Amino acid sequence: MYQYTKSGMYQYTKRGMSMDIKKTGRLIAKKRISMGLTQEQLSSRLHVTPQAISLWETGQRYPGPDAQVMLFSVLGLNPVELLVGVEMFDKNLKAEIAKYLPRIDEKALLSGVAIDEDGNEISFDWSEYSIVTTIWPDHELSDEWVPYKEYYNID
């Protein structure tokens, strides 16, 4: 729930957690300026309007999930940093969070029908398969195999 506080700030409060969206807006603006980007340039990279950037930076709106993924790609701010409005300086923790962000918009199929190179329909069901994981950041193959359904979090 968003509420307007006595200090003139909007806050998001849920289950005892408080998020100051003005603080988040200042973090976005600080990072954008440090990278030498205008609001117009950032908006074109994020595929949003310059007005959206202005609303975020002034604490009138909070970036949605898609924008958060793009903010990570462009500014390097992860969703945790956006939530608390403070940039992380623990490189190891930031790297741990970063290794999961590319998977946020992954799409996975559990079963279906595909057409092979000869035009024949083939059925597939990957529910019983496993996937070998990679070691971040070099993406080398590890020795760990994870069930397909667990890796993609599919019921």
Protein backbone atom coordinates (compact mmCIF):
# COMPACT_ATOMS: atom_id res chain seq x y z
CA MET A 1 0.00 0.00 0.00
CA TYR A 2 1.35 3.45 -0.91
CA GLN A 3 0.91 6.16 1.67
CA TYR A 4 1.88 9.81 1.84
CA THR A 5 3.99 10.54 4.93
CA LYS A 6 4.26 13.74 7.00
CA SER A 7 7.70 14.39 5.52
CA GLY A 8 6.12 14.61 2.06
CA MET A 9 7.34 11.25 0.80
CA TYR A 10 5.42 8.38 -0.66
CA GLN A 11 6.21 5.07 0.97
CA TYR A 12 5.25 1.54 0.13
CA THR A 13 4.53 -0.54 3.19
CA LYS A 14 3.84 -4.25 3.22
CA ARG A 15 4.26 -6.65 6.12
CA GLY A 16 6.42 -4.30 8.12
CA MET A 17 8.75 -3.39 5.24
CA SER A 18 8.94 0.22 4.22
CA MET A 19 10.21 1.45 0.87
CA ASP A 20 10.85 5.13 0.22
CA ILE A 21 10.25 5.64 -3.50
CA LYS A 22 11.83 9.10 -3.38
CA LYS A 23 15.06 7.45 -2.24
CA THR A 24 14.77 4.96 -5.10
CA GLY A 25 14.17 7.85 -7.51
CA ARG A 26 17.27 9.66 -6.28
CA LEU A 27 19.31 6.47 -6.77
CA ILE A 28 18.10 6.11 -10.37
CA ALA A 29 18.86 9.79 -11.09
CA LYS A 30 22.31 9.57 -9.47
CA LYS A 31 23.24 6.48 -11.49
CA ARG A 32 21.87 7.95 -14.74
CA ILE A 33 23.80 11.20 -14.26
CA SER A 34 27.00 9.36 -13.30
CA MET A 35 26.75 7.49 -16.62
CA GLY A 36 26.31 10.78 -18.50
CA LEU A 37 22.80 9.96 -19.71
CA THR A 38 19.89 12.35 -20.11
CA GLN A 39 16.38 11.29 -19.18
CA GLU A 40 15.61 11.13 -22.92
CA GLN A 41 18.59 8.83 -23.60
CA LEU A 42 17.73 6.55 -20.68
CA SER A 43 14.09 6.39 -21.73
CA SER A 44 15.01 5.29 -25.25
CA ARG A 45 17.28 2.53 -23.86
CA LEU A 46 14.54 1.33 -21.50
CA HIS A 47 11.75 1.65 -24.09
CA VAL A 48 9.69 3.93 -21.83
CA THR A 49 8.71 7.59 -22.09
CA PRO A 50 10.90 10.38 -20.68
CA GLN A 51 7.91 11.21 -18.46
CA ALA A 52 8.20 7.74 -16.87
CA ILE A 53 11.85 8.44 -16.02
CA SER A 54 10.86 11.78 -14.52
CA LEU A 55 8.10 10.18 -12.44
CA TRP A 56 10.53 7.55 -11.10
CA GLU A 57 13.26 10.06 -10.32
CA THR A 58 10.89 12.40 -8.47
CA GLY A 59 9.41 9.56 -6.42
CA GLN A 60 5.94 9.81 -7.90
CA ARG A 61 5.98 6.31 -9.41
CA TYR A 62 7.94 3.11 -8.91
CA PRO A 63 9.39 1.20 -11.90
CA GLY A 64 7.42 -1.93 -12.77
CA PRO A 65 8.98 -5.40 -13.01
CA ASP A 66 9.89 -5.12 -16.72
CA ALA A 67 11.49 -1.72 -16.13
CA GLN A 68 13.45 -3.11 -13.16
CA VAL A 69 15.00 -5.79 -15.39
CA MET A 70 15.90 -3.13 -17.95
CA LEU A 71 17.29 -0.80 -15.25
CA PHE A 72 19.61 -3.63 -14.25
CA SER A 73 20.71 -4.10 -17.87
CA VAL A 74 21.31 -0.40 -18.50
CA LEU A 75 22.26 1.11 -15.12
CA GLY A 76 23.41 -1.99 -13.25
CA LEU A 77 20.87 -1.45 -10.44
CA ASN A 78 19.36 -4.72 -9.28
CA PRO A 79 15.82 -5.04 -7.85
CA VAL A 80 17.16 -5.19 -4.28
CA GLU A 81 18.91 -1.85 -4.74
CA LEU A 82 15.74 -0.40 -6.25
CA LEU A 83 13.67 -1.72 -3.37
CA VAL A 84 15.82 -0.15 -0.65
CA GLY A 85 17.02 2.87 -2.66
CA VAL A 86 20.68 2.27 -1.84
CA GLU A 87 23.44 1.01 -4.11
CA MET A 88 25.19 -2.14 -2.89
CA PHE A 89 28.92 -1.98 -2.38
CA ASP A 90 29.38 -5.66 -1.47
CA LYS A 91 30.60 -6.93 -4.85
CA ASN A 92 30.11 -10.60 -3.94
CA LEU A 93 26.50 -10.11 -2.91
CA LYS A 94 25.80 -8.00 -5.98
CA ALA A 95 27.36 -10.71 -8.19
CA GLU A 96 25.21 -13.40 -6.55
CA ILE A 97 22.04 -11.42 -7.26
CA ALA A 98 23.20 -10.59 -10.80
CA LYS A 99 23.65 -14.21 -11.78
CA TYR A 100 19.90 -14.83 -11.43
CA LEU A 101 18.64 -11.71 -13.20
CA PRO A 102 19.23 -12.92 -16.78
CA ARG A 103 16.82 -15.78 -16.02
CA ILE A 104 13.97 -13.47 -15.00
CA ASP A 105 12.41 -13.29 -18.43
CA GLU A 106 13.33 -16.82 -19.54
CA LYS A 107 10.49 -18.78 -21.02
CA ALA A 108 10.36 -22.56 -20.81
CA LEU A 109 8.17 -25.26 -22.28
CA LEU A 110 7.59 -28.51 -20.48
CA SER A 111 6.03 -30.39 -23.36
CA GLY A 112 4.63 -29.77 -26.80
CA VAL A 113 4.88 -30.45 -30.49
CA ALA A 114 7.59 -29.16 -32.81
CA ILE A 115 8.33 -29.49 -36.52
CA ASP A 116 11.68 -31.05 -37.42
CA GLU A 117 13.83 -30.07 -40.41
CA ASP A 118 11.93 -32.57 -42.62
CA GLY A 119 8.54 -31.06 -41.76
CA ASN A 120 7.49 -33.91 -39.48
CA GLU A 121 5.71 -33.27 -36.18
CA ILE A 122 7.61 -34.49 -33.14
CA SER A 123 6.37 -34.52 -29.57
CA PHE A 124 8.58 -33.67 -26.64
CA ASP A 125 8.25 -33.96 -22.87
CA TRP A 126 11.13 -32.65 -20.83
CA SER A 127 9.58 -33.28 -17.41
CA GLU A 128 11.96 -36.18 -16.73
CA TYR A 129 15.13 -34.50 -18.08
CA SER A 130 17.83 -32.70 -16.11
CA ILE A 131 19.91 -29.66 -16.98
CA VAL A 132 23.55 -29.15 -16.16
CA THR A 133 24.11 -25.83 -14.43
CA THR A 134 26.79 -23.31 -15.27
CA ILE A 135 29.32 -21.60 -13.07
CA TRP A 136 28.91 -17.84 -13.03
CA PRO A 137 30.37 -15.49 -14.34
CA ASP A 138 32.32 -17.58 -16.89
CA HIS A 139 29.32 -19.80 -17.72
CA GLU A 140 31.46 -22.95 -17.57
CA LEU A 141 29.60 -26.23 -17.13
CA SER A 142 29.43 -27.46 -13.56
CA ASP A 143 29.01 -30.99 -12.19
CA GLU A 144 25.55 -30.16 -10.83
CA TRP A 145 22.50 -31.52 -12.64
CA VAL A 146 19.12 -30.04 -11.79
CA PRO A 147 15.75 -31.48 -12.85
CA TYR A 148 14.29 -29.46 -15.72
CA LYS A 149 11.07 -28.72 -13.82
CA GLU A 150 13.02 -27.46 -10.80
CA TYR A 151 15.45 -25.36 -12.88
CA TYR A 152 12.63 -23.51 -14.62
CA ASN A 153 10.32 -23.59 -11.58
CA ILE A 154 7.51 -25.35 -13.44
CA ASP A 155 4.72 -27.30 -11.74
